[in-house]
């Protein structure tokens, strides 16, 4: 069994997201990182989450906004390309996990300022959401990728899963990942006692 996130860059079709969510839930120690199409308004992102996806899973986190990155195949003096940034989300989780104890690990939220939420490879955000947009996204369980001013780094500004159940035990990415970590640690450390 593995403990890792995965994504499908270039494909956010609802059927693919549902299949990935089912796969992650069956594998137990996996998490799917989904995205809203780059350039989508906050209201349309919420409609995508609620109407198109209609998914309720703590094994999936959904990101909106996208990032602008250097494009080596582009033309001009500073070619850029807008992408979803789901690969950067996976890298961010790896970075947070590799921070020294007690500051790093799966129990830390891969969002916010500093090492926890900065997307280092991003030049800018692909879609600029304001505070009202971010509030709308957050209430729908969608994590916004934001930039606060010209000198601000690009930040992941939300750490929610798509768990919108009443109990909401795994509403946050770090809570889901921590319990996955604990469960895997218990299974791995008690394997000797099976026979």
Protein backbone atom coordinates (compact mmCIF):
# COMPACT_ATOMS: atom_id res chain seq x y z
CA UNK A 1 0.00 0.00 0.00
CA UNK A 2 1.13 3.51 -0.75
CA UNK A 3 0.58 6.91 0.86
CA UNK A 4 0.52 9.46 -1.90
CA UNK A 5 -1.49 12.05 -3.84
CA UNK A 6 -2.18 11.73 -7.55
CA UNK A 7 -3.75 13.87 -10.28
CA UNK A 8 -4.80 13.80 -13.93
CA UNK A 9 -3.35 16.96 -15.53
CA UNK A 10 -5.26 17.98 -18.61
CA UNK A 11 -8.43 16.08 -17.70
CA UNK A 12 -11.01 17.34 -15.21
CA UNK A 13 -13.96 15.55 -16.80
CA UNK A 14 -16.52 14.63 -14.13
CA UNK A 15 -16.36 10.91 -15.01
CA UNK A 16 -12.56 10.94 -14.57
CA UNK A 17 -12.81 12.78 -11.24
CA UNK A 18 -15.43 10.31 -9.96
CA UNK A 19 -13.35 7.32 -11.05
CA UNK A 20 -10.24 8.81 -9.42
CA UNK A 21 -12.16 9.48 -6.18
CA UNK A 22 -13.38 5.88 -6.11
CA UNK A 23 -9.86 4.61 -6.77
CA UNK A 24 -8.38 6.76 -3.99
CA UNK A 25 -11.01 5.62 -1.52
CA UNK A 26 -10.43 1.95 -2.34
CA UNK A 27 -6.67 2.34 -2.00
CA UNK A 28 -7.19 4.10 1.37
CA UNK A 29 -3.77 5.80 1.47
CA UNK A 30 -4.23 7.91 -1.64
CA UNK A 31 -5.66 11.34 -2.33
CA UNK A 32 -6.83 12.76 -5.65
CA UNK A 33 -6.05 16.38 -6.47
CA UNK A 34 -8.65 17.82 -8.86
CA UNK A 35 -8.92 21.22 -10.50
CA UNK A 36 -11.35 23.67 -12.00
CA UNK A 37 -10.59 24.71 -15.59
CA UNK A 38 -8.16 27.64 -15.67
CA UNK A 39 -9.92 30.96 -16.26
CA UNK A 40 -13.18 29.90 -14.63
CA UNK A 41 -14.96 32.51 -12.51
CA UNK A 42 -15.64 31.75 -8.85
CA UNK A 43 -19.38 31.35 -9.49
CA UNK A 44 -18.75 28.93 -12.38
CA UNK A 45 -16.23 27.01 -10.27
CA UNK A 46 -18.89 26.53 -7.58
CA UNK A 47 -21.38 25.41 -10.27
CA UNK A 48 -18.80 22.91 -11.57
CA UNK A 49 -18.29 21.52 -8.05
CA UNK A 50 -21.99 21.33 -7.17
CA UNK A 51 -23.70 20.57 -10.49
CA UNK A 52 -21.12 18.92 -12.75
CA UNK A 53 -19.16 16.97 -10.15
CA UNK A 54 -21.78 16.59 -7.42
CA UNK A 55 -19.10 14.71 -5.52
CA UNK A 56 -18.76 14.36 -1.77
CA UNK A 57 -15.44 12.72 -0.87
CA UNK A 58 -12.74 13.36 1.69
CA UNK A 59 -10.28 11.65 -0.66
CA UNK A 60 -10.50 14.55 -3.16
CA UNK A 61 -9.35 18.17 -2.91
CA UNK A 62 -10.38 20.67 -5.59
CA UNK A 63 -8.34 23.74 -6.63
CA UNK A 64 -9.34 26.82 -8.63
CA UNK A 65 -7.31 29.63 -10.12
CA UNK A 66 -4.38 27.92 -11.77
CA UNK A 67 -0.87 29.26 -12.12
CA UNK A 68 1.20 31.01 -14.75
CA UNK A 69 4.59 29.37 -15.40
CA UNK A 70 7.56 29.87 -17.70
CA UNK A 71 6.98 28.26 -21.12
CA UNK A 72 10.26 27.07 -22.70
CA UNK A 73 8.48 26.43 -26.01
CA UNK A 74 6.78 29.82 -26.10
CA UNK A 75 7.83 32.86 -28.07
CA UNK A 76 8.86 36.35 -26.97
CA UNK A 77 11.23 37.56 -24.29
CA UNK A 78 9.36 36.05 -21.32
CA UNK A 79 6.98 33.33 -22.56
CA UNK A 80 4.39 32.16 -20.05
CA UNK A 81 1.70 29.54 -20.00
CA UNK A 82 -1.35 29.14 -17.74
CA UNK A 83 -1.83 25.66 -16.24
CA UNK A 84 -4.00 24.11 -13.55
CA UNK A 85 -1.13 23.69 -11.09
CA UNK A 86 -2.14 20.25 -9.80
CA UNK A 87 1.46 19.05 -10.23
CA UNK A 88 2.57 21.97 -8.05
CA UNK A 89 0.01 20.87 -5.41
CA UNK A 90 1.66 17.44 -5.31
CA UNK A 91 5.08 19.07 -4.96
CA UNK A 92 3.77 21.30 -2.19
CA UNK A 93 2.55 18.28 -0.22
CA UNK A 94 5.95 16.62 -0.63
CA UNK A 95 7.68 19.78 0.59
CA UNK A 96 5.41 20.12 3.65
CA UNK A 97 5.94 16.43 4.47
CA UNK A 98 9.72 16.83 4.27
CA UNK A 99 9.93 19.83 6.63
CA UNK A 100 11.66 18.89 9.91
CA UNK A 101 9.55 17.83 12.90
CA UNK A 102 7.42 19.25 14.43
CA UNK A 103 6.81 21.83 11.68
CA UNK A 104 6.38 19.37 8.80
CA UNK A 105 4.46 16.22 8.09
CA UNK A 106 1.05 15.08 6.85
CA UNK A 107 -0.57 16.72 9.89
CA UNK A 108 0.38 20.17 8.55
CA UNK A 109 -1.93 21.97 6.17
CA UNK A 110 -0.47 22.33 2.64
CA UNK A 111 -1.74 25.90 2.39
CA UNK A 112 -1.14 29.40 3.71
CA UNK A 113 2.00 31.48 3.76
CA UNK A 114 5.67 30.53 3.84
CA UNK A 115 6.82 26.99 3.09
CA UNK A 116 3.35 25.61 3.74
CA UNK A 117 1.52 27.28 0.86
CA UNK A 118 3.93 29.02 -1.52
CA UNK A 119 4.01 27.64 -5.06
CA UNK A 120 7.62 28.35 -5.93
CA UNK A 121 7.41 27.46 -9.63
CA UNK A 122 4.58 29.94 -10.30
CA UNK A 123 5.24 33.32 -11.87
CA UNK A 124 1.69 34.51 -11.24
CA UNK A 125 -1.87 33.31 -10.80
CA UNK A 126 -3.76 32.37 -13.95
CA UNK A 127 -7.07 33.67 -12.54
CA UNK A 128 -7.05 36.50 -10.02
CA UNK A 129 -9.71 35.94 -7.35
CA UNK A 130 -10.61 38.68 -4.86
CA UNK A 131 -11.69 38.16 -1.23
CA UNK A 132 -15.36 37.78 -2.16
CA UNK A 133 -14.50 35.16 -4.80
CA UNK A 134 -12.28 33.31 -2.31
CA UNK A 135 -15.09 33.28 0.26
CA UNK A 136 -17.49 31.83 -2.30
CA UNK A 137 -14.97 29.15 -3.29
CA UNK A 138 -14.11 28.34 0.32
CA UNK A 139 -17.76 27.87 1.32
CA UNK A 140 -18.11 25.34 -1.53
CA UNK A 141 -15.01 23.41 -0.41
CA UNK A 142 -12.87 24.68 -3.29
CA UNK A 143 -9.31 25.81 -2.53
CA UNK A 144 -8.25 29.03 -4.23
CA UNK A 145 -4.81 29.76 -5.64
CA UNK A 146 -4.18 33.43 -4.88
CA UNK A 147 -1.71 36.26 -4.96
CA UNK A 148 -1.99 39.25 -2.63
CA UNK A 149 -0.37 42.18 -4.40
CA UNK A 150 2.48 42.56 -6.88
CA UNK A 151 5.28 41.39 -4.57
CA UNK A 152 3.34 38.53 -2.97
CA UNK A 153 4.22 34.95 -3.89
CA UNK A 154 1.55 32.70 -5.36
CA UNK A 155 -0.16 30.92 -2.47
CA UNK A 156 -2.56 28.03 -1.96
CA UNK A 157 -5.32 29.71 0.04
CA UNK A 158 -7.39 26.81 1.27
CA UNK A 159 -6.96 23.27 2.50
CA UNK A 160 -10.36 21.62 2.19
CA UNK A 161 -11.45 18.27 0.87
CA UNK A 162 -14.79 17.72 -0.86
CA UNK A 163 -16.21 16.23 2.35
CA UNK A 164 -19.38 18.24 2.92
CA UNK A 165 -21.13 15.74 5.15
CA UNK A 166 -22.81 17.01 8.29
CA UNK A 167 -20.16 15.44 10.52
CA UNK A 168 -17.38 16.67 8.23
CA UNK A 169 -14.70 14.72 10.09
CA UNK A 170 -12.33 14.89 7.14
CA UNK A 171 -13.23 18.32 5.82
CA UNK A 172 -9.57 19.42 5.80
CA UNK A 173 -6.72 17.94 3.77
CA UNK A 174 -4.32 17.74 6.71
CA UNK A 175 -6.85 15.89 8.90
CA UNK A 176 -7.50 13.29 6.17
CA UNK A 177 -3.76 12.90 5.48
CA UNK A 178 -2.91 12.62 9.20
CA UNK A 179 -5.41 9.81 9.74
CA UNK A 180 -4.15 8.04 6.63
CA UNK A 181 -0.62 8.34 8.03
CA UNK A 182 -1.65 6.97 11.44
CA UNK A 183 -3.58 4.07 9.93
CA UNK A 184 -0.69 3.12 7.64
CA UNK A 185 1.79 3.37 10.53
CA UNK A 186 -0.33 1.06 12.69
CA UNK A 187 -0.75 -1.48 9.86
CA UNK A 188 2.98 -1.42 9.04
CA UNK A 189 4.15 -1.67 12.64
CA UNK A 190 1.79 -4.51 13.65
CA UNK A 191 2.29 -6.71 10.59
CA UNK A 192 4.65 -8.92 12.60
CA UNK A 193 1.75 -10.01 14.83
CA UNK A 194 -0.47 -11.42 12.04
CA UNK A 195 0.66 -15.03 12.60
